[in-house]
Amino acid sequence: MAGYTIFLPTAGRLVNLVRFKSVDGGSVDPKFLNARNMVPQPSIYDRVRSAGIDTVVVSHQEYADSPLTTIHSGDTRYLGHRTAAEFATLLRYATVQPGRRFVFGYWAGVDLVSHAWGPTSDTAGLEAHLVQRALIEGFLRPLVNECGDVVVILTSDHGHATIDADRQLPLSELSRRAGSWLSPATGERRAVGLTPQASGESTLRDATQDQGAIVSMDEAVAHGLFGPPPHHPELSQRVGRYLLLAKNGASFPYRSTNGEDKPFASGAHGSLSPVEMVVPLMVWRFGSNA
């Protein structure tokens, strides 16, 4: 899972790893794109269950059977919510049952709204406030009287950067300036994987100027951007020879997003700015041992 999109050399396709479909709409042999085989390592749910502890996922109802859920949690019991009230209620229900358990909850609203309206918009702030109130009133306060010993950890998987509409450089234009790619561009608009022609690094630097930083995959791996070893033997082929990491409010979309059919999205993430990498971590403990 090395990016939003990766190139599968065995299938010869650029694949979206959220939808598990080829980006160009072409067919992919299921043997190359099987959610149950994509990540062979045991998940945190597998490890917790092996210790005799029950596991539960509380997430959006429409994600229950998605490939990404299969990779993330496999056959873990899934409680699907539709609203913020249901989210808080189902979290409380799963938490207060007898016995030991690990409960994972996910709310996508803040991310979705931040992409569409921008992370500093009034809309994103209101979305965060509404789910906060639901969690306080429907989950955290009831735990004071309803449970024995519970630890609640609230965090996020990433932050969000505000995108400047005037600092977009579509990959089609970048290719025109820097030359064609030897394999399809991967990743997403704030972190693009590229395999340019032989003289590509200097050409890329000239083409992107102050909008992005060029990092070789060897450098990226050495500095831990793809986690600790061992790495998949196809990592560089799947991502590309270089990473193009957006600076400030820049982005490198696959195509211009200013058309009437696709309104401009004001928020994105994937690069190395503090607003994308710094996330909250809040911890509460309830019960007799608190």
C-alpha atoms as a PDB file:
ATOM      1  CA  MET A   1       0.000   0.000   0.000  1.00  0.00           C
ATOM      2  CA  ALA A   2       2.668   2.470  -1.125  1.00  0.00           C
ATOM      3  CA  GLY A   3       0.397   5.174  -2.490  1.00  0.00           C
ATOM      4  CA  TYR A   4      -3.094   6.238  -3.504  1.00  0.00           C
ATOM      5  CA  THR A   5      -2.249   4.828  -6.925  1.00  0.00           C
ATOM      6  CA  ILE A   6       0.556   2.410  -7.785  1.00  0.00           C
ATOM      7  CA  PHE A   7       1.813   0.762 -10.963  1.00  0.00           C
ATOM      8  CA  LEU A   8       1.590  -3.037 -10.889  1.00  0.00           C
ATOM      9  CA  PRO A   9       4.334  -4.209 -13.289  1.00  0.00           C
ATOM     10  CA  THR A  10       3.021  -7.776 -13.378  1.00  0.00           C
ATOM     11  CA  ALA A  11      -0.392  -6.522 -14.531  1.00  0.00           C
ATOM     12  CA  GLY A  12       0.938  -3.585 -16.547  1.00  0.00           C
ATOM     13  CA  ARG A  13      -1.681  -1.277 -15.014  1.00  0.00           C
ATOM     14  CA  LEU A  14      -1.875   1.842 -12.869  1.00  0.00           C
ATOM     15  CA  VAL A  15      -4.215   0.899 -10.030  1.00  0.00           C
ATOM     16  CA  ASN A  16      -6.242   2.942  -7.548  1.00  0.00           C
ATOM     17  CA  LEU A  17      -5.759   1.252  -4.162  1.00  0.00           C
ATOM     18  CA  VAL A  18      -8.922   2.718  -2.618  1.00  0.00           C
ATOM     19  CA  ARG A  19     -11.252   1.445  -5.335  1.00  0.00           C
ATOM     20  CA  PHE A  20      -9.044  -1.478  -6.456  1.00  0.00           C
ATOM     21  CA  LYS A  21      -9.599  -0.616 -10.105  1.00  0.00           C
ATOM     22  CA  SER A  22      -7.304   0.425 -12.928  1.00  0.00           C
ATOM     23  CA  VAL A  23      -7.091   4.188 -13.350  1.00  0.00           C
ATOM     24  CA  ASP A  24      -7.732   4.015 -17.103  1.00  0.00           C
ATOM     25  CA  GLY A  25     -10.758   1.752 -16.690  1.00  0.00           C
ATOM     26  CA  GLY A  26      -9.083  -1.289 -18.229  1.00  0.00           C
ATOM     27  CA  SER A  27      -9.487  -4.766 -16.808  1.00  0.00           C
ATOM     28  CA  VAL A  28      -6.998  -6.265 -14.356  1.00  0.00           C
ATOM     29  CA  ASP A  29      -6.606  -9.995 -13.809  1.00  0.00           C
ATOM     30  CA  PRO A  30      -8.011 -10.670 -10.290  1.00  0.00           C
ATOM     31  CA  LYS A  31      -4.895 -12.658  -9.381  1.00  0.00           C
ATOM     32  CA  PHE A  32      -2.911  -9.388  -9.477  1.00  0.00           C
ATOM     33  CA  LEU A  33      -5.455  -7.375  -7.493  1.00  0.00           C
ATOM     34  CA  ASN A  34      -6.845  -9.546  -4.720  1.00  0.00           C
ATOM     35  CA  ALA A  35      -7.539  -7.612  -1.522  1.00  0.00           C
ATOM     36  CA  ARG A  36      -7.021 -10.672   0.652  1.00  0.00           C
ATOM     37  CA  ASN A  37      -3.593 -11.365  -0.830  1.00  0.00           C
ATOM     38  CA  MET A  38      -2.308  -7.813  -1.333  1.00  0.00           C
ATOM     39  CA  VAL A  39      -0.930  -7.426   2.216  1.00  0.00           C
ATOM     40  CA  PRO A  40       0.348 -10.794   3.505  1.00  0.00           C
ATOM     41  CA  GLN A  41       1.319  -9.560   6.993  1.00  0.00           C
ATOM     42  CA  PRO A  42      -1.148 -10.109   9.851  1.00  0.00           C
ATOM     43  CA  SER A  43      -3.204  -7.047  10.757  1.00  0.00           C
ATOM     44  CA  ILE A  44      -3.444  -5.535  14.228  1.00  0.00           C
ATOM     45  CA  TYR A  45      -6.818  -7.288  14.515  1.00  0.00           C
ATOM     46  CA  ASP A  46      -5.230 -10.670  13.799  1.00  0.00           C
ATOM     47  CA  ARG A  47      -2.572 -10.033  16.437  1.00  0.00           C
ATOM     48  CA  VAL A  48      -5.082  -8.895  19.049  1.00  0.00           C
ATOM     49  CA  ARG A  49      -7.363 -11.892  18.426  1.00  0.00           C
ATOM     50  CA  SER A  50      -4.391 -14.248  18.744  1.00  0.00           C
ATOM     51  CA  ALA A  51      -4.026 -12.887  22.301  1.00  0.00           C
ATOM     52  CA  GLY A  52      -7.632 -13.880  23.069  1.00  0.00           C
ATOM     53  CA  ILE A  53      -9.110 -10.380  22.738  1.00  0.00           C
ATOM     54  CA  ASP A  54     -12.252  -9.658  20.699  1.00  0.00           C
ATOM     55  CA  THR A  55     -12.054  -7.062  17.887  1.00  0.00           C
ATOM     56  CA  VAL A  56     -14.704  -4.752  16.415  1.00  0.00           C
ATOM     57  CA  VAL A  57     -14.680  -2.122  13.651  1.00  0.00           C
ATOM     58  CA  VAL A  58     -17.167   0.777  13.755  1.00  0.00           C
ATOM     59  CA  SER A  59     -17.117   2.601  10.438  1.00  0.00           C
ATOM     60  CA  HIS A  60     -19.316   3.877   7.619  1.00  0.00           C
ATOM     61  CA  GLN A  61     -21.968   1.445   6.469  1.00  0.00           C
ATOM     62  CA  GLU A  62     -21.048   1.851   2.794  1.00  0.00           C
ATOM     63  CA  TYR A  63     -17.422   0.810   3.460  1.00  0.00           C
ATOM     64  CA  ALA A  64     -18.334  -2.556   5.010  1.00  0.00           C
ATOM     65  CA  ASP A  65     -17.424  -4.731   2.014  1.00  0.00           C
ATOM     66  CA  SER A  66     -14.891  -2.495   0.280  1.00  0.00           C
ATOM     67  CA  PRO A  67     -11.466  -3.855  -0.749  1.00  0.00           C
ATOM     68  CA  LEU A  68      -9.762  -1.350   1.547  1.00  0.00           C
ATOM     69  CA  THR A  69     -11.787  -2.624   4.517  1.00  0.00           C
ATOM     70  CA  THR A  70     -10.851  -6.202   3.594  1.00  0.00           C
ATOM     71  CA  ILE A  71      -7.160  -5.259   3.635  1.00  0.00           C
ATOM     72  CA  HIS A  72      -7.508  -3.222   6.812  1.00  0.00           C
ATOM     73  CA  SER A  73      -9.559  -5.536   9.007  1.00  0.00           C
ATOM     74  CA  GLY A  74     -10.401  -8.733   7.092  1.00  0.00           C
ATOM     75  CA  ASP A  75     -13.210 -10.696   8.739  1.00  0.00           C
ATOM     76  CA  THR A  76     -13.346  -8.529  11.862  1.00  0.00           C
ATOM     77  CA  ARG A  77     -16.907  -7.901  13.113  1.00  0.00           C
ATOM     78  CA  TYR A  78     -18.125  -4.707  11.441  1.00  0.00           C
ATOM     79  CA  LEU A  79     -20.724  -2.274  12.784  1.00  0.00           C
ATOM     80  CA  GLY A  80     -21.771   0.199  10.090  1.00  0.00           C
ATOM     81  CA  HIS A  81     -22.959   3.711  10.941  1.00  0.00           C
ATOM     82  CA  ARG A  82     -24.772   6.275   8.791  1.00  0.00           C
ATOM     83  CA  THR A  83     -24.742   9.403  10.976  1.00  0.00           C
ATOM     84  CA  ALA A  84     -22.587  10.960  13.679  1.00  0.00           C
ATOM     85  CA  ALA A  85     -25.188   9.928  16.277  1.00  0.00           C
ATOM     86  CA  GLU A  86     -25.014   6.299  15.145  1.00  0.00           C
ATOM     87  CA  PHE A  87     -21.217   6.476  15.140  1.00  0.00           C
ATOM     88  CA  ALA A  88     -21.103   7.541  18.794  1.00  0.00           C
ATOM     89  CA  THR A  89     -23.849   5.112  19.839  1.00  0.00           C
ATOM     90  CA  LEU A  90     -22.245   2.098  18.143  1.00  0.00           C
ATOM     91  CA  LEU A  91     -18.858   2.954  19.637  1.00  0.00           C
ATOM     92  CA  ARG A  92     -20.424   3.009  23.111  1.00  0.00           C
ATOM     93  CA  TYR A  93     -22.322  -0.231  22.451  1.00  0.00           C
ATOM     94  CA  ALA A  94     -19.181  -2.056  21.305  1.00  0.00           C
ATOM     95  CA  THR A  95     -17.105  -0.695  24.169  1.00  0.00           C
ATOM     96  CA  VAL A  96     -19.331  -1.533  27.139  1.00  0.00           C
ATOM     97  CA  GLN A  97     -19.894  -5.212  26.282  1.00  0.00           C
ATOM     98  CA  PRO A  98     -18.439  -7.698  28.820  1.00  0.00           C
ATOM     99  CA  GLY A  99     -14.926  -8.997  28.263  1.00  0.00           C
ATOM    100  CA  ARG A 100     -11.756  -7.629  26.726  1.00  0.00           C
ATOM    101  CA  ARG A 101     -11.897  -6.079  23.259  1.00  0.00           C
ATOM    102  CA  PHE A 102     -10.188  -3.747  20.825  1.00  0.00           C
ATOM    103  CA  VAL A 103     -12.633  -1.370  19.122  1.00  0.00           C
ATOM    104  CA  PHE A 104     -11.597   0.713  16.097  1.00  0.00           C
ATOM    105  CA  GLY A 105     -13.823   3.591  14.995  1.00  0.00           C
ATOM    106  CA  TYR A 106     -13.548   5.725  11.863  1.00  0.00           C
ATOM    107  CA  TRP A 107     -15.281   8.949  10.820  1.00  0.00           C
ATOM    108  CA  ALA A 108     -14.576  10.151   7.253  1.00  0.00           C
ATOM    109  CA  GLY A 109     -16.483  13.439   7.368  1.00  0.00           C
ATOM    110  CA  VAL A 110     -13.648  15.792   8.320  1.00  0.00           C
ATOM    111  CA  ASP A 111     -11.440  14.412   5.540  1.00  0.00           C
ATOM    112  CA  LEU A 112     -14.194  14.536   2.917  1.00  0.00           C
ATOM    113  CA  VAL A 113     -15.186  18.100   3.755  1.00  0.00           C
ATOM    114  CA  SER A 114     -11.568  19.286   3.986  1.00  0.00           C
ATOM    115  CA  HIS A 115     -10.873  17.961   0.487  1.00  0.00           C
ATOM    116  CA  ALA A 116     -13.920  19.684  -0.990  1.00  0.00           C
ATOM    117  CA  TRP A 117     -14.011  22.966   0.948  1.00  0.00           C
ATOM    118  CA  GLY A 118     -10.492  23.291   2.326  1.00  0.00           C
ATOM    119  CA  PRO A 119      -9.190  22.345   5.787  1.00  0.00           C
ATOM    120  CA  THR A 120      -9.453  25.884   7.178  1.00  0.00           C
ATOM    121  CA  SER A 121     -12.959  26.524   5.841  1.00  0.00           C
ATOM    122  CA  ASP A 122     -15.965  27.220   8.053  1.00  0.00           C
ATOM    123  CA  THR A 123     -17.521  24.030   6.652  1.00  0.00           C
ATOM    124  CA  ALA A 124     -14.593  21.869   7.793  1.00  0.00           C
ATOM    125  CA  GLY A 125     -14.642  23.535  11.199  1.00  0.00           C
ATOM    126  CA  LEU A 126     -18.374  22.893  11.560  1.00  0.00           C
ATOM    127  CA  GLU A 127     -17.933  19.235  10.550  1.00  0.00           C
ATOM    128  CA  ALA A 128     -15.248  18.739  13.191  1.00  0.00           C
ATOM    129  CA  HIS A 129     -17.416  20.468  15.791  1.00  0.00           C
ATOM    130  CA  LEU A 130     -20.466  18.313  15.038  1.00  0.00           C
ATOM    131  CA  VAL A 131     -18.659  14.986  15.308  1.00  0.00           C
ATOM    132  CA  GLN A 132     -16.905  16.260  18.443  1.00  0.00           C
ATOM    133  CA  ARG A 133     -20.256  16.980  20.094  1.00  0.00           C
ATOM    134  CA  ALA A 134     -21.587  13.565  19.046  1.00  0.00           C
ATOM    135  CA  LEU A 135     -18.578  11.803  20.560  1.00  0.00           C
ATOM    136  CA  ILE A 136     -18.732  13.788  23.802  1.00  0.00           C
ATOM    137  CA  GLU A 137     -22.478  13.415  24.347  1.00  0.00           C
ATOM    138  CA  GLY A 138     -22.984   9.929  22.927  1.00  0.00           C
ATOM    139  CA  PHE A 139     -19.732   8.167  23.796  1.00  0.00           C
ATOM    140  CA  LEU A 140     -17.300   9.809  26.222  1.00  0.00           C
ATOM    141  CA  ARG A 141     -19.689  11.099  28.911  1.00  0.00           C
ATOM    142  CA  PRO A 142     -21.685   7.852  29.132  1.00  0.00           C
ATOM    143  CA  LEU A 143     -18.441   5.910  29.672  1.00  0.00           C
ATOM    144  CA  VAL A 144     -18.025   7.611  33.034  1.00  0.00           C
ATOM    145  CA  ASN A 145     -20.863   5.489  34.457  1.00  0.00           C
ATOM    146  CA  GLU A 146     -21.151   2.554  32.054  1.00  0.00           C
ATOM    147  CA  CYS A 147     -17.819   0.754  31.973  1.00  0.00           C
ATOM    148  CA  GLY A 148     -15.174  -0.969  34.046  1.00  0.00           C
ATOM    149  CA  ASP A 149     -11.827  -0.025  32.509  1.00  0.00           C
ATOM    150  CA  VAL A 150     -11.610   1.623  29.089  1.00  0.00           C
ATOM    151  CA  VAL A 151      -8.861   3.585  27.344  1.00  0.00           C
ATOM    152  CA  VAL A 152      -9.983   5.825  24.457  1.00  0.00           C
ATOM    153  CA  ILE A 153      -7.359   7.024  21.973  1.00  0.00           C
ATOM    154  CA  LEU A 154      -8.368   9.633  19.397  1.00  0.00           C
ATOM    155  CA  THR A 155      -6.047  10.357  16.486  1.00  0.00           C
ATOM    156  CA  SER A 156      -5.977  10.879  12.719  1.00  0.00           C
ATOM    157  CA  ASP A 157      -4.187   9.251   9.811  1.00  0.00           C
ATOM    158  CA  HIS A 158      -2.987  12.549   8.318  1.00  0.00           C
ATOM    159  CA  GLY A 159      -3.466  16.302   8.243  1.00  0.00           C
ATOM    160  CA  HIS A 160      -4.548  18.513   5.355  1.00  0.00           C
ATOM    161  CA  ALA A 161      -2.948  21.231   3.220  1.00  0.00           C
ATOM    162  CA  THR A 162      -4.809  24.082   1.567  1.00  0.00           C
ATOM    163  CA  ILE A 163      -4.295  23.975  -2.201  1.00  0.00           C
ATOM    164  CA  ASP A 164      -3.666  27.161  -4.168  1.00  0.00           C
ATOM    165  CA  ALA A 165      -5.647  27.100  -7.408  1.00  0.00           C
ATOM    166  CA  ASP A 166      -2.920  29.167  -9.072  1.00  0.00           C
ATOM    167  CA  ARG A 167      -0.162  26.721  -8.101  1.00  0.00           C
ATOM    168  CA  GLN A 168      -1.498  23.644  -9.859  1.00  0.00           C
ATOM    169  CA  LEU A 169       0.729  21.996 -12.459  1.00  0.00           C
ATOM    170  CA  PRO A 170      -1.159  19.154 -14.173  1.00  0.00           C
ATOM    171  CA  LEU A 171       0.967  16.134 -15.032  1.00  0.00           C
ATOM    172  CA  SER A 172       0.124  16.565 -18.707  1.00  0.00           C
ATOM    173  CA  GLU A 173       1.790  19.995 -18.638  1.00  0.00           C
ATOM    174  CA  LEU A 174       4.705  18.686 -16.561  1.00  0.00           C
ATOM    175  CA  SER A 175       5.251  15.926 -19.106  1.00  0.00           C
ATOM    176  CA  ARG A 176       5.236  18.506 -21.883  1.00  0.00           C
ATOM    177  CA  ARG A 177       7.963  20.462 -20.090  1.00  0.00           C
ATOM    178  CA  ALA A 178      10.068  17.564 -18.794  1.00  0.00           C
ATOM    179  CA  GLY A 179       9.484  14.819 -21.342  1.00  0.00           C
ATOM    180  CA  SER A 180       7.444  11.645 -21.265  1.00  0.00           C
ATOM    181  CA  TRP A 181       7.583   9.047 -18.487  1.00  0.00           C
ATOM    182  CA  LEU A 182       8.969   5.527 -18.850  1.00  0.00           C
ATOM    183  CA  SER A 183       6.055   4.227 -16.746  1.00  0.00           C
ATOM    184  CA  PRO A 184       2.800   5.866 -15.587  1.00  0.00           C
ATOM    185  CA  ALA A 185       2.907   8.545 -12.891  1.00  0.00           C
ATOM    186  CA  THR A 186       1.741   7.163  -9.520  1.00  0.00           C
ATOM    187  CA  GLY A 187       0.749   8.465  -6.098  1.00  0.00           C
ATOM    188  CA  GLU A 188      -1.497  11.519  -5.891  1.00  0.00           C
ATOM    189  CA  ARG A 189      -1.367  15.238  -6.486  1.00  0.00           C
ATOM    190  CA  ARG A 190       0.754  16.147  -3.443  1.00  0.00           C
ATOM    191  CA  ALA A 191       3.180  13.209  -3.793  1.00  0.00           C
ATOM    192  CA  VAL A 192       3.763  11.927  -7.315  1.00  0.00           C
ATOM    193  CA  GLY A 193       5.910   8.931  -8.247  1.00  0.00           C
ATOM    194  CA  LEU A 194       7.721   9.487 -11.552  1.00  0.00           C
ATOM    195  CA  THR A 195      10.094   7.560 -13.802  1.00  0.00           C
ATOM    196  CA  PRO A 196      11.381  10.104 -16.316  1.00  0.00           C
ATOM    197  CA  GLN A 197      13.809   9.674 -19.197  1.00  0.00           C
ATOM    198  CA  ALA A 198      17.531   9.238 -18.437  1.00  0.00           C
ATOM    199  CA  SER A 199      18.243  12.945 -17.876  1.00  0.00           C
ATOM    200  CA  GLY A 200      14.994  13.395 -16.034  1.00  0.00           C
ATOM    201  CA  GLU A 201      16.009  14.631 -12.568  1.00  0.00           C
ATOM    202  CA  SER A 202      17.548  17.924 -13.666  1.00  0.00           C
ATOM    203  CA  THR A 203      14.768  18.439 -16.210  1.00  0.00           C
ATOM    204  CA  LEU A 204      12.159  17.798 -13.534  1.00  0.00           C
ATOM    205  CA  ARG A 205      13.786  20.299 -11.205  1.00  0.00           C
ATOM    206  CA  ASP A 206      13.730  22.933 -13.925  1.00  0.00           C
ATOM    207  CA  ALA A 207      10.112  22.137 -14.812  1.00  0.00           C
ATOM    208  CA  THR A 208       8.746  22.248 -11.259  1.00  0.00           C
ATOM    209  CA  GLN A 209      10.964  25.091  -9.992  1.00  0.00           C
ATOM    210  CA  ASP A 210       9.811  26.087  -6.492  1.00  0.00           C
ATOM    211  CA  GLN A 211       6.590  24.094  -6.560  1.00  0.00           C
ATOM    212  CA  GLY A 212       8.036  20.720  -5.567  1.00  0.00           C
ATOM    213  CA  ALA A 213      11.028  18.843  -4.167  1.00  0.00           C
ATOM    214  CA  ILE A 214      12.535  15.951  -6.154  1.00  0.00           C
ATOM    215  CA  VAL A 215      13.628  12.960  -4.043  1.00  0.00           C
ATOM    216  CA  SER A 216      15.012   9.728  -5.461  1.00  0.00           C
ATOM    217  CA  MET A 217      13.379   6.513  -4.301  1.00  0.00           C
ATOM    218  CA  ASP A 218      16.720   5.406  -2.850  1.00  0.00           C
ATOM    219  CA  GLU A 219      16.773   8.568  -0.708  1.00  0.00           C
ATOM    220  CA  ALA A 220      13.123   8.157   0.245  1.00  0.00           C
ATOM    221  CA  VAL A 221      13.635   4.563   1.379  1.00  0.00           C
ATOM    222  CA  ALA A 222      16.871   5.406   3.221  1.00  0.00           C
ATOM    223  CA  HIS A 223      15.119   8.193   5.154  1.00  0.00           C
ATOM    224  CA  GLY A 224      12.212   5.955   6.169  1.00  0.00           C
ATOM    225  CA  LEU A 225       9.451   7.521   4.057  1.00  0.00           C
ATOM    226  CA  PHE A 226       8.194   4.027   3.237  1.00  0.00           C
ATOM    227  CA  GLY A 227       8.670   2.583   6.702  1.00  0.00           C
ATOM    228  CA  PRO A 228      11.278   0.152   8.007  1.00  0.00           C
ATOM    229  CA  PRO A 229      12.615  -2.778   5.981  1.00  0.00           C
ATOM    230  CA  PRO A 230      12.016  -5.296   4.591  1.00  0.00           C
ATOM    231  CA  HIS A 231      10.360  -3.596   1.612  1.00  0.00           C
ATOM    232  CA  HIS A 232       8.443  -5.223  -1.205  1.00  0.00           C
ATOM    233  CA  PRO A 233      10.844  -6.183  -4.042  1.00  0.00           C
ATOM    234  CA  GLU A 234       8.655  -4.263  -6.515  1.00  0.00           C
ATOM    235  CA  LEU A 235       8.500  -1.052  -4.437  1.00  0.00           C
ATOM    236  CA  SER A 236      10.489   1.150  -6.836  1.00  0.00           C
ATOM    237  CA  GLN A 237       8.711  -0.258  -9.877  1.00  0.00           C
ATOM    238  CA  ARG A 238       5.336   0.311  -8.243  1.00  0.00           C
ATOM    239  CA  VAL A 239       6.071   3.915  -7.219  1.00  0.00           C
ATOM    240  CA  GLY A 240       8.704   5.228  -9.663  1.00  0.00           C
ATOM    241  CA  ARG A 241      12.327   6.329  -9.738  1.00  0.00           C
ATOM    242  CA  TYR A 242      11.627   9.700  -8.089  1.00  0.00           C
ATOM    243  CA  LEU A 243       9.103  11.295  -5.747  1.00  0.00           C
ATOM    244  CA  LEU A 244       7.824  14.765  -6.564  1.00  0.00           C
ATOM    245  CA  LEU A 245       6.693  16.246  -3.240  1.00  0.00           C
ATOM    246  CA  ALA A 246       4.574  19.398  -3.418  1.00  0.00           C
ATOM    247  CA  LYS A 247       5.652  22.516  -1.543  1.00  0.00           C
ATOM    248  CA  ASN A 248       3.418  25.146   0.060  1.00  0.00           C
ATOM    249  CA  GLY A 249       0.040  25.163  -1.719  1.00  0.00           C
ATOM    250  CA  ALA A 250       1.210  23.502  -4.925  1.00  0.00           C
ATOM    251  CA  SER A 251      -0.219  20.326  -6.427  1.00  0.00           C
ATOM    252  CA  PHE A 252       0.340  18.110  -9.457  1.00  0.00           C
ATOM    253  CA  PRO A 253      -3.063  16.728 -10.477  1.00  0.00           C
ATOM    254  CA  TYR A 254      -3.457  14.096 -13.174  1.00  0.00           C
ATOM    255  CA  ARG A 255      -5.501  16.607 -15.146  1.00  0.00           C
ATOM    256  CA  SER A 256      -6.807  20.122 -14.740  1.00  0.00           C
ATOM    257  CA  THR A 257      -9.622  20.162 -12.163  1.00  0.00           C
ATOM    258  CA  ASN A 258     -11.072  23.553 -13.045  1.00  0.00           C
ATOM    259  CA  GLY A 259     -13.623  22.231 -15.542  1.00  0.00           C
ATOM    260  CA  GLU A 260     -17.352  22.458 -14.919  1.00  0.00           C
ATOM    261  CA  ASP A 261     -17.563  18.658 -14.594  1.00  0.00           C
ATOM    262  CA  LYS A 262     -15.171  18.552 -11.637  1.00  0.00           C
ATOM    263  CA  PRO A 263     -14.989  21.545  -9.289  1.00  0.00           C
ATOM    264  CA  PHE A 264     -11.677  22.555  -7.780  1.00  0.00           C
ATOM    265  CA  ALA A 265     -10.858  20.683  -4.554  1.00  0.00           C
ATOM    266  CA  SER A 266      -9.291  23.007  -1.979  1.00  0.00           C
ATOM    267  CA  GLY A 267      -7.661  20.422   0.299  1.00  0.00           C
ATOM    268  CA  ALA A 268      -5.161  17.604  -0.180  1.00  0.00           C
ATOM    269  CA  HIS A 269      -2.449  15.668   1.641  1.00  0.00           C
ATOM    270  CA  GLY A 270       0.477  13.334   0.986  1.00  0.00           C
ATOM    271  CA  SER A 271       3.528  15.609   1.076  1.00  0.00           C
ATOM    272  CA  LEU A 272       5.804  16.515   3.989  1.00  0.00           C
ATOM    273  CA  SER A 273       4.518  19.871   5.246  1.00  0.00           C
ATOM    274  CA  PRO A 274       3.711  20.094   8.977  1.00  0.00           C
ATOM    275  CA  VAL A 275      -0.020  20.629   8.351  1.00  0.00           C
ATOM    276  CA  GLU A 276      -0.131  17.286   6.495  1.00  0.00           C
ATOM    277  CA  MET A 277       2.068  15.312   8.897  1.00  0.00           C
ATOM    278  CA  VAL A 278       1.168  16.570  12.381  1.00  0.00           C
ATOM    279  CA  VAL A 279      -1.939  14.867  13.766  1.00  0.00           C
ATOM    280  CA  PRO A 280      -3.777  15.024  17.101  1.00  0.00           C
ATOM    281  CA  LEU A 281      -3.394  12.398  19.811  1.00  0.00           C
ATOM    282  CA  MET A 282      -5.784  12.556  22.768  1.00  0.00           C
ATOM    283  CA  VAL A 283      -6.152   9.850  25.407  1.00  0.00           C
ATOM    284  CA  TRP A 284      -8.807   9.294  28.102  1.00  0.00           C
ATOM    285  CA  ARG A 285      -9.124   6.500  30.652  1.00  0.00           C
ATOM    286  CA  PHE A 286     -12.401   5.550  32.323  1.00  0.00           C
ATOM    287  CA  GLY A 287     -13.268   3.098  35.058  1.00  0.00           C
ATOM    288  CA  SER A 288     -12.068   1.820  38.390  1.00  0.00           C
ATOM    289  CA  ASN A 289      -8.383   2.005  37.417  1.00  0.00           C
ATOM    290  CA  ALA A 290      -8.542   5.493  35.903  1.00  0.00           C
END
